[in-house]
Protein backbone atom coordinates (compact mmCIF):
# COMPACT_ATOMS: atom_id res chain seq x y z
CA UNK A 1 76.86 -63.61 98.34
CA UNK A 2 74.24 -63.30 95.62
CA UNK A 3 73.88 -59.58 95.97
CA UNK A 4 77.37 -58.88 95.79
CA UNK A 5 77.66 -61.04 93.01
CA UNK A 6 75.05 -59.08 91.07
CA UNK A 7 76.84 -55.74 92.10
CA UNK A 8 80.19 -56.45 90.71
CA UNK A 9 78.63 -57.62 86.98
CA UNK A 10 76.54 -54.28 87.14
CA UNK A 11 79.68 -52.19 87.64
CA UNK A 12 81.92 -54.07 85.56
CA UNK A 13 79.23 -54.75 82.41
CA UNK A 14 79.68 -50.67 82.79
CA UNK A 15 83.45 -50.99 82.78
CA UNK A 16 83.39 -53.22 79.45
CA UNK A 17 85.26 -55.98 81.55
CA UNK A 18 84.72 -59.81 81.28
CA UNK A 19 84.43 -61.96 84.40
CA UNK A 20 85.18 -65.71 85.08
CA UNK A 21 81.54 -67.40 84.90
CA UNK A 22 80.90 -70.11 87.36
CA UNK A 23 78.12 -72.84 86.58
CA UNK A 24 76.98 -75.03 89.63
CA UNK A 25 73.70 -77.00 87.71
CA UNK A 26 75.41 -79.79 87.27
CA UNK A 27 76.27 -82.49 89.64
CA UNK A 28 79.46 -83.45 90.37
CA UNK A 29 79.01 -86.55 88.67
CA UNK A 30 77.78 -84.69 85.38
CA UNK A 31 80.81 -82.59 85.99
CA UNK A 32 83.11 -85.03 85.66
CA UNK A 33 81.61 -87.07 83.33
CA UNK A 34 81.01 -84.24 80.61
CA UNK A 35 83.29 -81.40 81.65
CA UNK A 36 86.49 -82.89 83.42
CA UNK A 37 87.16 -86.05 81.12
CA UNK A 38 86.90 -86.86 77.40
CA UNK A 39 86.31 -89.66 75.56
CA UNK A 40 89.15 -91.64 76.40
CA UNK A 41 88.34 -91.79 80.11
CA UNK A 42 85.55 -93.53 81.61
CA UNK A 43 84.83 -92.72 85.05
CA UNK A 44 83.17 -94.90 87.88
CA UNK A 45 82.39 -94.87 91.60
CA UNK A 46 82.81 -91.01 91.58
CA UNK A 47 82.59 -89.63 95.10
CA UNK A 48 83.04 -86.13 97.04
CA UNK A 49 84.13 -85.93 100.22
CA UNK A 50 83.87 -89.83 100.57
CA UNK A 51 79.77 -89.57 99.74
CA UNK A 52 78.36 -90.47 96.47
CA UNK A 53 78.48 -87.59 94.03
CA UNK A 54 75.00 -87.23 92.66
CA UNK A 55 74.07 -83.85 94.24
CA UNK A 56 75.41 -80.38 93.23
CA UNK A 57 77.92 -78.94 96.00
CA UNK A 58 79.15 -75.14 95.72
CA UNK A 59 82.86 -76.31 95.74
CA UNK A 60 82.81 -78.13 92.38
CA UNK A 61 81.54 -76.20 89.44
CA UNK A 62 82.14 -75.72 85.21
CA UNK A 63 84.00 -72.42 84.73
CA UNK A 64 84.18 -70.47 81.38
CA UNK A 65 85.73 -67.26 80.39
CA UNK A 66 82.76 -66.77 78.23
CA UNK A 67 84.98 -66.62 74.94
CA UNK A 68 86.51 -63.68 76.75
CA UNK A 69 90.59 -63.23 77.10
CA UNK A 70 91.81 -63.38 80.13
CA UNK A 71 95.05 -63.99 81.94
CA UNK A 72 93.50 -67.18 83.57
CA UNK A 73 95.14 -69.08 80.76
CA UNK A 74 92.44 -71.89 80.54
CA UNK A 75 89.34 -70.94 78.77
CA UNK A 76 86.58 -73.73 80.70
CA UNK A 77 86.87 -76.52 82.70
CA UNK A 78 86.04 -77.89 86.39
CA UNK A 79 86.91 -75.39 89.28
CA UNK A 80 87.50 -77.56 92.81
CA UNK A 81 87.41 -74.87 95.57
CA UNK A 82 88.01 -75.16 99.25
CA UNK A 83 84.72 -73.40 99.69
CA UNK A 84 82.32 -71.47 97.07
CA UNK A 85 84.04 -71.72 94.08
CA UNK A 86 81.58 -68.12 93.00
CA UNK A 87 84.58 -66.63 94.92
CA UNK A 88 86.78 -66.93 91.94
CA UNK A 89 84.34 -64.27 89.95
CA UNK A 90 86.22 -61.35 89.51
CA UNK A 91 87.47 -58.40 89.39
CA UNK A 92 90.05 -58.56 92.31
CA UNK A 93 88.70 -56.08 94.67
CA UNK A 94 89.26 -57.78 97.87
CA UNK A 95 92.52 -58.42 99.91
CA UNK A 96 91.51 -61.64 101.05
CA UNK A 97 88.04 -63.26 99.91
CA UNK A 98 86.70 -65.55 101.93
CA UNK A 99 83.22 -67.96 102.34
CA UNK A 100 82.66 -70.56 105.16
CA UNK A 101 84.28 -73.75 104.27
CA UNK A 102 81.34 -75.64 103.06
CA UNK A 103 81.43 -79.57 104.23
CA UNK A 104 82.26 -78.66 107.32
CA UNK A 105 85.66 -80.37 108.82
CA UNK A 106 86.16 -83.11 106.41
CA UNK A 107 90.24 -83.76 106.62
CA UNK A 108 91.61 -85.83 103.74
CA UNK A 109 94.84 -87.70 105.07
CA UNK A 110 96.81 -87.23 101.93
CA UNK A 111 96.77 -83.65 102.05
CA UNK A 112 98.04 -83.75 105.86
CA UNK A 113 101.10 -85.38 104.58
CA UNK A 114 102.13 -82.20 102.27
CA UNK A 115 104.82 -80.17 103.71
CA UNK A 116 102.89 -77.30 105.78
CA UNK A 117 99.64 -78.87 105.66
CA UNK A 118 99.75 -80.48 109.52
CA UNK A 119 96.93 -78.00 110.46
CA UNK A 120 94.28 -78.86 107.94
CA UNK A 121 91.23 -77.56 108.87
CA UNK A 122 88.72 -78.39 105.92
CA UNK A 123 89.02 -80.32 102.56
CA UNK A 124 87.19 -80.65 99.18
CA UNK A 125 87.76 -83.93 97.79
CA UNK A 126 87.00 -85.25 94.42
CA UNK A 127 87.72 -89.02 93.56
CA UNK A 128 86.85 -91.88 90.86
CA UNK A 129 88.44 -94.89 88.84
CA UNK A 130 89.23 -95.33 85.51
CA UNK A 131 90.46 -98.04 83.26
CA UNK A 132 93.60 -96.97 81.33
CA UNK A 133 92.71 -97.00 77.60
CA UNK A 134 96.13 -95.91 76.73
CA UNK A 135 99.65 -95.47 78.23
CA UNK A 136 99.81 -92.12 79.65
CA UNK A 137 97.28 -90.05 81.76
CA UNK A 138 97.38 -85.92 81.05
CA UNK A 139 95.66 -82.99 82.25
CA UNK A 140 96.11 -79.01 82.41
CA UNK A 141 95.53 -77.24 85.93
CA UNK A 142 95.72 -73.93 87.40
CA UNK A 143 96.31 -73.49 91.27
CA UNK A 144 95.21 -70.35 92.72
CA UNK A 145 94.80 -68.78 96.10
CA UNK A 146 93.92 -65.44 98.33
CA UNK A 147 97.08 -66.71 100.19
CA UNK A 148 99.25 -65.27 97.64
CA UNK A 149 101.00 -63.62 98.20
CA UNK A 150 101.08 -62.10 101.54
CA UNK A 151 101.32 -65.25 103.25
CA UNK A 152 103.94 -66.81 101.00
CA UNK A 153 106.74 -68.84 103.03
CA UNK A 154 104.52 -69.29 106.14
CA UNK A 155 102.38 -71.78 107.93
CA UNK A 156 99.26 -70.53 106.75
CA UNK A 157 99.49 -72.23 103.02
CA UNK A 158 96.38 -74.10 101.63
CA UNK A 159 97.33 -77.25 99.69
CA UNK A 160 96.30 -79.26 96.90
CA UNK A 161 97.13 -82.81 95.28
CA UNK A 162 96.53 -85.04 92.71
CA UNK A 163 96.73 -88.71 94.21
CA UNK A 164 96.94 -91.49 91.71
CA UNK A 165 97.06 -94.78 92.73
CA UNK A 166 97.19 -98.05 90.86
CA UNK A 167 99.30 -100.88 88.48
CA UNK A 168 103.25 -99.52 88.62
CA UNK A 169 102.29 -96.56 90.84
CA UNK A 170 104.23 -96.38 94.00
CA UNK A 171 104.09 -93.57 96.02
CA UNK A 172 104.19 -92.28 99.95
CA UNK A 173 99.98 -91.58 99.93
CA UNK A 174 97.55 -93.95 100.49
CA UNK A 175 97.05 -96.96 98.45
CA UNK A 176 101.08 -96.10 97.29
CA UNK A 177 99.45 -93.06 95.51
CA UNK A 178 101.57 -90.74 94.27
CA UNK A 179 101.18 -86.55 93.80
CA UNK A 180 101.03 -85.47 90.11
CA UNK A 181 100.52 -82.12 91.24
CA UNK A 182 104.33 -81.11 90.58
CA UNK A 183 106.36 -77.81 89.62
CA UNK A 184 107.42 -78.80 85.56
CA UNK A 185 110.63 -80.91 84.99
CA UNK A 186 111.01 -81.14 88.67
CA UNK A 187 109.61 -83.79 91.60
CA UNK A 188 108.58 -80.88 93.98
CA UNK A 189 104.89 -80.59 94.77
CA UNK A 190 103.41 -77.32 93.68
CA UNK A 191 102.48 -75.29 96.93
CA UNK A 192 102.37 -71.78 97.86
CA UNK A 193 105.70 -71.64 99.64
CA UNK A 194 107.13 -73.71 96.85
CA UNK A 195 106.05 -71.57 93.95
CA UNK A 196 105.68 -67.66 94.44
CA UNK A 197 107.74 -64.34 94.25
CA UNK A 198 107.61 -63.52 97.87
CA UNK A 199 104.97 -61.63 100.14
CA UNK A 200 105.11 -58.20 98.31
CA UNK A 201 105.58 -59.97 94.66
CA UNK A 202 108.79 -58.45 94.24
CA UNK A 203 111.14 -61.92 95.67
CA UNK A 204 112.41 -63.94 96.24
CA UNK A 205 111.51 -66.10 93.46
CA UNK A 206 110.52 -69.36 94.36
CA UNK A 207 110.00 -71.22 90.85
CA UNK A 208 108.35 -67.88 90.13
CA UNK A 209 108.42 -68.61 86.30
CA UNK A 210 105.40 -70.61 86.75
CA UNK A 211 103.45 -67.78 88.90
CA UNK A 212 100.81 -64.61 88.03
CA UNK A 213 100.34 -61.75 90.06
CA UNK A 214 97.08 -60.76 89.88
CA UNK A 215 96.93 -57.87 92.22
CA UNK A 216 96.37 -57.73 96.43
CA UNK A 217 92.70 -56.77 95.56
CA UNK A 218 93.21 -52.73 95.24
CA UNK A 219 93.38 -52.48 91.44
CA UNK A 220 89.98 -53.91 90.12
CA UNK A 221 90.23 -52.34 87.02
CA UNK A 222 93.78 -53.75 86.29
CA UNK A 223 92.45 -57.52 87.37
CA UNK A 224 89.09 -57.34 86.08
CA UNK A 225 88.58 -61.05 85.74
CA UNK A 226 89.60 -63.52 88.53
CA UNK A 227 89.24 -62.72 92.16
CA UNK A 228 92.38 -64.77 93.36
CA UNK A 229 95.53 -62.67 94.14
CA UNK A 230 97.69 -65.21 92.58
CA UNK A 231 97.78 -68.33 90.67
CA UNK A 232 100.20 -70.49 88.74
CA UNK A 233 100.46 -70.50 84.97
CA UNK A 234 98.88 -73.35 83.09
CA UNK A 235 100.81 -76.79 84.65
CA UNK A 236 100.43 -80.29 83.15
CA UNK A 237 99.89 -83.36 85.55
CA UNK A 238 101.03 -86.29 84.18
CA UNK A 239 101.72 -90.15 84.89
CA UNK A 240 102.52 -93.53 82.70
CA UNK A 241 99.84 -96.08 82.98
CA UNK A 242 99.57 -99.92 82.27
CA UNK A 243 97.25 -100.17 79.40
CA UNK A 244 93.77 -101.81 80.50
CA UNK A 245 94.33 -101.73 84.08
CA UNK A 246 92.15 -99.83 86.84
CA UNK A 247 93.31 -96.70 88.64
CA UNK A 248 92.37 -94.70 91.09
CA UNK A 249 92.33 -90.42 91.12
CA UNK A 250 91.92 -88.56 93.87
CA UNK A 251 91.85 -84.54 93.47
CA UNK A 252 92.12 -82.58 96.75
CA UNK A 253 92.46 -79.27 98.06
CA UNK A 254 92.19 -78.13 101.97
CA UNK A 255 92.41 -74.77 104.17
CA UNK A 256 95.33 -74.64 106.49
CA UNK A 257 95.40 -73.07 109.74
CA UNK A 258 92.17 -71.36 109.07
CA UNK A 259 89.08 -71.62 107.03
CA UNK A 260 89.35 -67.99 105.08
CA UNK A 261 91.19 -66.89 102.32
CA UNK A 262 89.58 -69.41 99.57
CA UNK A 263 92.17 -71.41 97.21
CA UNK A 264 90.96 -73.47 94.11
CA UNK A 265 92.47 -75.54 91.19
CA UNK A 266 91.34 -75.29 87.89
CA UNK A 267 91.50 -78.35 85.56
CA UNK A 268 91.07 -79.15 81.67
CA UNK A 269 91.43 -82.07 79.57
CA UNK A 270 91.60 -84.96 81.70
CA UNK A 271 92.91 -87.44 78.78
CA UNK A 272 94.56 -90.67 78.26
CA UNK A 273 96.64 -89.66 75.51
CA UNK A 274 100.24 -88.92 74.59
CA UNK A 275 100.94 -85.27 74.46
CA UNK A 276 100.79 -85.41 70.64
CA UNK A 277 100.27 -82.05 68.32
CA UNK A 278 99.98 -82.59 64.68
CA UNK A 279 102.06 -80.09 62.77
CA UNK A 280 102.21 -79.30 58.98
CA UNK A 281 105.57 -78.83 57.17
CA UNK A 282 104.92 -75.01 57.86
CA UNK A 283 104.65 -75.98 62.03
CA UNK A 284 101.06 -74.78 62.11
CA UNK A 285 98.76 -76.68 64.18
CA UNK A 286 96.06 -75.42 61.54
CA UNK A 287 96.61 -74.36 57.85
CA UNK A 288 93.48 -72.31 56.93
CA UNK A 289 95.42 -70.88 54.10
CA UNK A 290 97.30 -73.52 52.13
CA UNK A 291 98.01 -72.93 48.84
CA UNK A 292 96.45 -74.76 46.14
CA UNK A 293 97.96 -77.24 44.19
CA UNK A 294 100.78 -77.45 47.28
CA UNK A 295 101.30 -80.62 49.06
CA UNK A 296 101.49 -80.58 52.40
CA UNK A 297 102.80 -82.78 54.67
CA UNK A 298 101.19 -83.71 58.22
CA UNK A 299 103.62 -84.91 60.97
CA UNK A 300 102.61 -86.84 64.27
CA UNK A 301 106.37 -86.84 65.29
CA UNK A 302 105.69 -90.47 66.69
CA UNK A 303 108.21 -92.78 66.16
CA UNK A 304 106.89 -95.67 64.05
CA UNK A 305 108.42 -98.78 66.01
CA UNK A 306 106.09 -100.82 67.69
CA UNK A 307 103.01 -98.30 67.03
CA UNK A 308 99.82 -98.59 64.85
CA UNK A 309 98.82 -95.19 62.87
CA UNK A 310 95.02 -94.83 61.81
CA UNK A 311 94.52 -91.93 59.75
CA UNK A 312 91.10 -90.39 58.93
CA UNK A 313 89.82 -87.51 56.72
CA UNK A 314 86.68 -85.79 57.78
CA UNK A 315 86.07 -88.76 60.11
CA UNK A 316 86.66 -91.79 57.12
CA UNK A 317 89.71 -93.90 57.50
CA UNK A 318 92.00 -93.47 54.59
CA UNK A 319 94.98 -95.75 53.49
CA UNK A 320 98.06 -94.32 55.30
CA UNK A 321 100.06 -96.02 58.01
CA UNK A 322 102.91 -94.03 58.71
CA UNK A 323 103.79 -91.16 61.15
CA UNK A 324 102.95 -88.42 58.89
CA UNK A 325 100.99 -88.37 55.41
CA UNK A 326 101.06 -86.01 52.46
CA UNK A 327 97.88 -84.03 51.50
CA UNK A 328 96.61 -81.95 48.80
CA UNK A 329 93.09 -81.85 49.88
CA UNK A 330 91.66 -79.90 52.18
CA UNK A 331 89.85 -81.69 55.53
CA UNK A 332 89.73 -82.29 59.00
CA UNK A 333 92.76 -85.06 59.32
CA UNK A 334 92.95 -86.91 62.43
CA UNK A 335 95.65 -89.79 63.85
CA UNK A 336 94.86 -92.46 66.27
CA UNK A 337 97.87 -93.95 67.31
CA UNK A 338 97.77 -97.42 69.18
CA UNK A 339 100.22 -99.79 70.55
CA UNK A 340 100.77 -103.33 69.02
CA UNK A 341 98.46 -104.76 71.24
CA UNK A 342 95.75 -102.45 70.49
CA UNK A 343 96.38 -99.84 73.26
CA UNK A 344 95.17 -96.48 72.32
CA UNK A 345 97.68 -93.90 73.46
CA UNK A 346 97.41 -90.59 71.30
CA UNK A 347 95.05 -88.79 69.17
CA UNK A 348 95.15 -85.28 67.55
CA UNK A 349 93.16 -83.91 64.55
CA UNK A 350 94.42 -80.61 62.07
CA UNK A 351 92.14 -78.79 59.94
CA UNK A 352 93.50 -78.07 56.36
CA UNK A 353 91.86 -75.25 54.09
CA UNK A 354 93.36 -75.34 50.57
CA UNK A 355 92.57 -71.21 49.15
CA UNK A 356 90.87 -70.78 45.60
CA UNK A 357 93.10 -70.27 42.70
CA UNK A 358 95.11 -67.04 42.23
CA UNK A 359 92.89 -64.42 40.59
CA UNK A 360 94.93 -64.36 37.48
CA UNK A 361 94.08 -64.44 33.71
CA UNK A 362 95.58 -66.91 31.30
CA UNK A 363 97.28 -65.42 28.48
CA UNK A 364 96.84 -65.83 25.13
CA UNK A 365 99.05 -67.82 22.79
CA UNK A 366 101.55 -65.10 20.63
CA UNK A 367 101.47 -66.39 16.72
CA UNK A 368 104.00 -64.75 14.82
CA UNK A 369 103.54 -64.51 10.75
CA UNK A 370 107.02 -64.97 8.99
CA UNK A 371 109.35 -66.45 6.51
CA UNK A 372 109.56 -69.65 7.60
CA UNK A 373 113.26 -70.47 8.50
CA UNK A 374 115.17 -72.05 11.43
CA UNK A 375 114.88 -69.26 13.72
CA UNK A 376 112.14 -67.05 14.47
CA UNK A 377 112.29 -63.57 16.51
CA UNK A 378 108.80 -62.57 18.63
CA UNK A 379 108.76 -58.77 19.47
CA UNK A 380 108.02 -59.76 22.68
CA UNK A 381 106.49 -62.37 25.18
CA UNK A 382 105.97 -60.56 28.18
CA UNK A 383 102.28 -60.56 29.20
CA UNK A 384 102.81 -59.96 32.66
CA UNK A 385 99.99 -56.94 32.61
CA UNK A 386 97.74 -59.57 30.84
CA UNK A 387 97.89 -62.30 33.43
CA UNK A 388 97.56 -59.81 36.89
CA UNK A 389 94.69 -58.16 35.37
CA UNK A 390 93.46 -55.94 38.21
CA UNK A 391 96.02 -57.16 40.85
CA UNK A 392 98.55 -54.69 42.23
CA UNK A 393 101.98 -55.72 40.36
CA UNK A 394 103.88 -54.89 43.52
CA UNK A 395 102.27 -58.04 45.45
CA UNK A 396 103.73 -60.53 42.87
CA UNK A 397 106.68 -61.77 41.58
CA UNK A 398 106.04 -62.67 37.59
CA UNK A 399 108.85 -65.00 35.99
CA UNK A 400 108.96 -66.68 32.50
CA UNK A 401 110.15 -70.12 32.02
CA UNK A 402 111.22 -71.97 28.58
CA UNK A 403 112.05 -75.58 30.33
CA UNK A 404 109.10 -77.60 31.89
CA UNK A 405 106.28 -76.96 34.40
CA UNK A 406 108.15 -78.07 37.37
CA UNK A 407 110.74 -76.02 37.20
CA UNK A 408 108.63 -73.12 36.79
CA UNK A 409 106.77 -74.51 40.23
CA UNK A 410 110.16 -75.07 42.09
CA UNK A 411 111.71 -71.58 40.92
CA UNK A 412 114.16 -73.39 39.46
CA UNK A 413 117.28 -71.62 37.72
CA UNK A 414 116.88 -73.91 35.05
CA UNK A 415 114.95 -72.53 31.96
CA UNK A 416 114.68 -69.26 33.70
CA UNK A 417 114.20 -66.36 31.19
CA UNK A 418 115.83 -63.48 32.19
CA UNK A 419 113.52 -60.59 31.92
CA UNK A 420 115.73 -58.42 29.65
CA UNK A 421 115.12 -61.47 27.03
CA UNK A 422 111.62 -61.34 26.97
CA UNK A 423 111.56 -58.76 24.26
CA UNK A 424 113.10 -60.03 20.96
CA UNK A 425 112.85 -63.30 21.89
CA UNK A 426 114.02 -66.04 19.53
CA UNK A 427 113.38 -69.78 19.27
CA UNK A 428 114.58 -72.29 16.57
CA UNK A 429 111.58 -73.74 16.12
CA UNK A 430 108.34 -72.95 14.44
CA UNK A 431 106.35 -73.65 18.08
CA UNK A 432 107.52 -73.64 21.53
CA UNK A 433 105.86 -73.36 25.15
CA UNK A 434 106.17 -70.63 27.81
CA UNK A 435 105.56 -71.45 31.38
CA UNK A 436 104.88 -68.19 33.52
CA UNK A 437 105.36 -68.60 37.31
CA UNK A 438 103.25 -66.30 39.82
CA UNK A 439 104.16 -65.60 43.18
CA UNK A 440 102.60 -63.87 46.10
CA UNK A 441 105.15 -61.48 47.69
CA UNK A 442 102.88 -58.64 48.91
CA UNK A 443 101.73 -58.11 52.71
CA UNK A 444 99.66 -60.55 54.57
CA UNK A 445 99.76 -63.22 51.77
CA UNK A 446 101.10 -66.50 51.95
CA UNK A 447 103.65 -67.13 49.32
CA UNK A 448 101.53 -69.36 47.17
CA UNK A 449 102.60 -69.78 43.50
CA UNK A 450 100.67 -70.83 40.36
CA UNK A 451 101.80 -71.84 37.10
CA UNK A 452 100.00 -71.01 33.66
CA UNK A 453 101.47 -71.46 30.39
CA UNK A 454 100.93 -70.37 26.74
CA UNK A 455 102.29 -71.09 23.36
CA UNK A 456 104.45 -69.14 20.90
CA UNK A 457 103.97 -69.94 17.00
CA UNK A 458 105.22 -68.98 13.92
CA UNK A 459 103.46 -69.28 10.92
CA UNK A 460 104.87 -68.60 7.15
CA UNK A 461 103.60 -66.04 5.00
CA UNK A 462 101.18 -67.77 2.56
CA UNK A 463 102.55 -68.68 -1.33
CA UNK A 464 102.10 -71.32 -3.76
CA UNK A 465 99.46 -72.38 -6.47
CA UNK A 466 97.41 -75.01 -7.52
CA UNK A 467 97.04 -77.23 -11.03
CA UNK A 468 95.76 -80.32 -12.67
CA UNK A 469 97.19 -82.63 -14.96
CA UNK A 470 94.81 -81.62 -17.49
CA UNK A 471 92.90 -78.59 -18.46
CA UNK A 472 90.00 -80.82 -20.23
CA UNK A 473 88.22 -83.68 -18.74
CA UNK A 474 85.17 -85.80 -20.09
CA UNK A 475 82.47 -86.95 -18.00
CA UNK A 476 83.17 -90.70 -18.53
CA UNK A 477 86.44 -90.02 -16.29
CA UNK A 478 84.87 -91.72 -13.09
CA UNK A 479 87.97 -91.87 -10.93
CA UNK A 480 88.78 -88.76 -8.58
CA UNK A 481 91.48 -86.33 -10.54
CA UNK A 482 94.08 -85.22 -7.67
CA UNK A 483 94.91 -81.48 -7.26
CA UNK A 484 99.23 -80.36 -7.41
CA UNK A 485 99.42 -77.71 -5.01
CA UNK A 486 102.47 -75.86 -3.62
CA UNK A 487 100.24 -73.63 -0.97
CA UNK A 488 100.17 -74.00 2.40
CA UNK A 489 98.29 -76.85 4.40
CA UNK A 490 95.34 -75.88 6.39
CA UNK A 491 92.96 -74.30 3.50
CA UNK A 492 90.03 -75.50 1.29
CA UNK A 493 88.94 -75.55 -2.16
CA UNK A 494 86.41 -73.84 -3.98
CA UNK A 495 84.94 -73.45 -7.23
CA UNK A 496 82.78 -71.37 -9.62
CA UNK A 497 80.33 -71.48 -11.47
CA UNK A 498 78.69 -74.33 -9.13
CA UNK A 499 78.06 -77.88 -11.07
CA UNK A 500 81.80 -79.10 -10.11
CA UNK A 501 82.06 -82.24 -8.14
CA UNK A 502 85.20 -81.05 -6.05
CA UNK A 503 86.18 -82.03 -2.66
CA UNK A 504 86.96 -79.09 -0.77
CA UNK A 505 89.47 -80.59 1.57
CA UNK A 506 92.03 -82.61 -0.99
CA UNK A 507 91.03 -80.76 -3.95
CA UNK A 508 90.06 -83.77 -6.11
CA UNK A 509 87.54 -83.49 -9.09
CA UNK A 510 85.06 -86.14 -10.18
CA UNK A 511 84.58 -85.34 -14.04
CA UNK A 512 81.58 -87.93 -14.58
CA UNK A 513 79.81 -86.45 -11.55
CA UNK A 514 80.27 -82.79 -12.84
CA UNK A 515 77.96 -81.09 -15.65
CA UNK A 516 79.89 -80.10 -18.70
CA UNK A 517 81.20 -76.46 -18.57
CA UNK A 518 84.65 -74.16 -17.95
CA UNK A 519 85.43 -74.17 -14.22
CA UNK A 520 87.56 -71.81 -12.00
CA UNK A 521 89.12 -73.33 -8.84
CA UNK A 522 91.20 -71.61 -6.26
CA UNK A 523 92.58 -72.64 -2.94
CA UNK A 524 91.82 -70.45 0.06
CA UNK A 525 93.80 -70.32 3.31
CA UNK A 526 92.36 -68.68 6.43
CA UNK A 527 93.98 -65.98 8.22
CA UNK A 528 96.87 -67.86 10.90
CA UNK A 529 98.31 -65.88 13.83
CA UNK A 530 99.38 -62.78 12.16
CA UNK A 531 99.41 -64.18 8.70
CA UNK A 532 96.34 -62.80 6.21
CA UNK A 533 94.41 -64.94 4.46
CA UNK A 534 95.61 -66.16 1.19
CA UNK A 535 93.76 -67.46 -1.83
CA UNK A 536 95.94 -69.10 -4.66
CA UNK A 537 95.45 -67.78 -8.56
CA UNK A 538 93.09 -69.61 -10.05
CA UNK A 539 93.31 -72.65 -12.28
CA UNK A 540 90.77 -73.68 -15.36
CA UNK A 541 89.56 -76.67 -15.99
CA UNK A 542 87.00 -77.94 -18.69
CA UNK A 543 84.58 -80.51 -18.42
CA UNK A 544 83.15 -82.21 -21.44
CA UNK A 545 79.86 -84.03 -22.01
CA UNK A 546 80.12 -87.78 -23.71
CA UNK A 547 77.08 -88.61 -26.25
CA UNK A 548 75.47 -91.46 -24.62
CA UNK A 549 76.11 -93.22 -27.61
CA UNK A 550 78.51 -93.21 -30.65
CA UNK A 551 77.48 -90.72 -33.19
CA UNK A 552 76.10 -92.01 -36.64
CA UNK A 553 77.24 -90.12 -40.08
CA UNK A 554 75.04 -90.41 -42.67
CA UNK A 555 76.90 -91.87 -45.33
CA UNK A 556 77.66 -91.86 -48.17
CA UNK A 557 76.62 -88.68 -49.28
CA UNK A 558 75.95 -88.41 -52.91
CA UNK A 559 75.81 -85.28 -55.17
CA UNK A 560 74.63 -84.26 -58.30
CA UNK A 561 76.37 -81.58 -60.69
CA UNK A 562 75.75 -78.59 -60.05
CA UNK A 563 74.23 -79.20 -56.48
CA UNK A 564 74.31 -76.96 -53.76
CA UNK A 565 77.07 -79.00 -51.46
CA UNK A 566 75.41 -79.69 -48.22
CA UNK A 567 77.24 -80.21 -45.01
CA UNK A 568 77.94 -83.47 -43.28
CA UNK A 569 75.07 -84.85 -41.17
CA UNK A 570 75.80 -86.94 -37.80
CA UNK A 571 73.77 -87.43 -34.75
CA UNK A 572 74.98 -86.54 -31.09
CA UNK A 573 75.91 -83.22 -29.39
CA UNK A 574 79.46 -81.51 -29.14
CA UNK A 575 80.62 -83.18 -31.88
CA UNK A 576 84.16 -83.08 -33.51
CA UNK A 577 85.04 -83.43 -36.77
CA UNK A 578 88.44 -84.92 -38.21
CA UNK A 579 89.73 -85.08 -41.71
CA UNK A 580 91.44 -88.10 -40.94
CA UNK A 581 90.68 -91.42 -38.95
CA UNK A 582 93.99 -90.84 -36.69
CA UNK A 583 95.49 -87.55 -35.56
CA UNK A 584 94.67 -84.26 -36.51
CA UNK A 585 92.64 -81.34 -35.20
CA UNK A 586 89.14 -81.69 -34.03
CA UNK A 587 86.29 -79.21 -35.27
CA UNK A 588 83.07 -78.37 -34.27
CA UNK A 589 81.86 -77.17 -37.91
CA UNK A 590 80.74 -79.83 -39.94
CA UNK A 591 82.33 -80.25 -43.32
CA UNK A 592 81.40 -79.88 -46.81
CA UNK A 593 82.16 -82.02 -49.65
CA UNK A 594 85.08 -80.79 -52.03
CA UNK A 595 84.94 -83.69 -54.79
CA UNK A 596 81.88 -83.99 -56.82
CA UNK A 597 81.05 -87.06 -58.53
């Protein structure tokens, strides 16, 4: 047998075909514990043909497709065969592949009760106990046989059965067991006679919607994966359980009429959970391209009444207790569902991955320099080319809104700016916000939407001037002297030459902190939007220094006749002379006496 296997592998590796892989290295107990059941099942009292299952047997092995797509329907699991499980390995190049029925003539009484199995020759029987940790048992299986199709509807029909016994179970087999290997939506047990498409695969049909024709051993190039001539599609065995009670399962298959023309059952996903499949609101069991910023709802479709929902994200419990949750972050989300008395009956998980942001460019604000008035017209607010950058414009739908972010995200008609109105766009206030909605519409895209915004601002043409209450201040004035301005806000003040104490923000001057002299002051408004920079006409301010003390005039002044008249003398600097005590105009020229005594 090994030589035949090696030759077949060599031949078909040259043809590029993928074959079924059979691994017989594990004991039967190890296969049950690590391959057949999941964490919801703790098997005990495992036996094979009524003997302890602590050794390897050729009838029970692990199968795998090795990641290659095949027509089997299951990618891995446990195979239970009438004889050597290696017969399952493709291609289908024999009309009736057979090996000796290892285990001799072990006969299972329950198999003999299945119609057509009265002449049972040998059996392969795997049994174990388990405690129901939930309310429903489920597993997937495929029955395959070399007796397809030619021995359909005959007395040479290999048989199999999954016999479940325990609390709440009532059936015709030993320990009141029932056979849960049934044709879907019926109480009909799966056998070759009641699931086939006739002896030549062309009818009459007996539940043939669940039958797969794998050739008759003459077309190995067409049927490269599996040796068996025919097999069922993936079927599901299930039964209700009483949580916390102990049950017994017998997985059995047998040769009928002879020990040739081998058969097998492939089994996967033996678990105690309700059939649960988490879906997002796109109907996906896994979403690796969720749109950034999108809220996704994950549905369990399990009724909330009488059930307890425990949700996790990346293995950490999250505070959600309903049958569905809404998420906005990526991660592995899972739900465990329990009955009110703490019995777990369902579990599933779903991977959500959010995409990065669209590769669009944030548009700049648009500024307009205009005469300030209650209406402003912008030549255009269309920034689509800037926003898309190097992206293909035919793959994106770009629309503009003037109402709100929410309207733009939802694609509402409210606030939508018609494309023709993007040019010569008019607003009544001096500023506004435009939201831009960018939606994927190209091939192999997911319709993701991103909304960005920019401002439109109207600025008045800069005008105005500045002045002060006086043109002359003395240095003994200590209070700030405010500026009077008709210019636009947002600028700064400056003066020349240096020496003037000037607040550049408010324009106020403090004479007492300034040096005496003449100063030119202007107000500077920087460029705003499309409006150029502007400076007001200069205003002139003089600061006069004040003497440290009152001037002292040398008085009286006496002259003799014919003396040369000398000017009056006083100490101090920057003095002004007056002809009268009150009023008049001061003069810096020292006066001379006109009356001679």
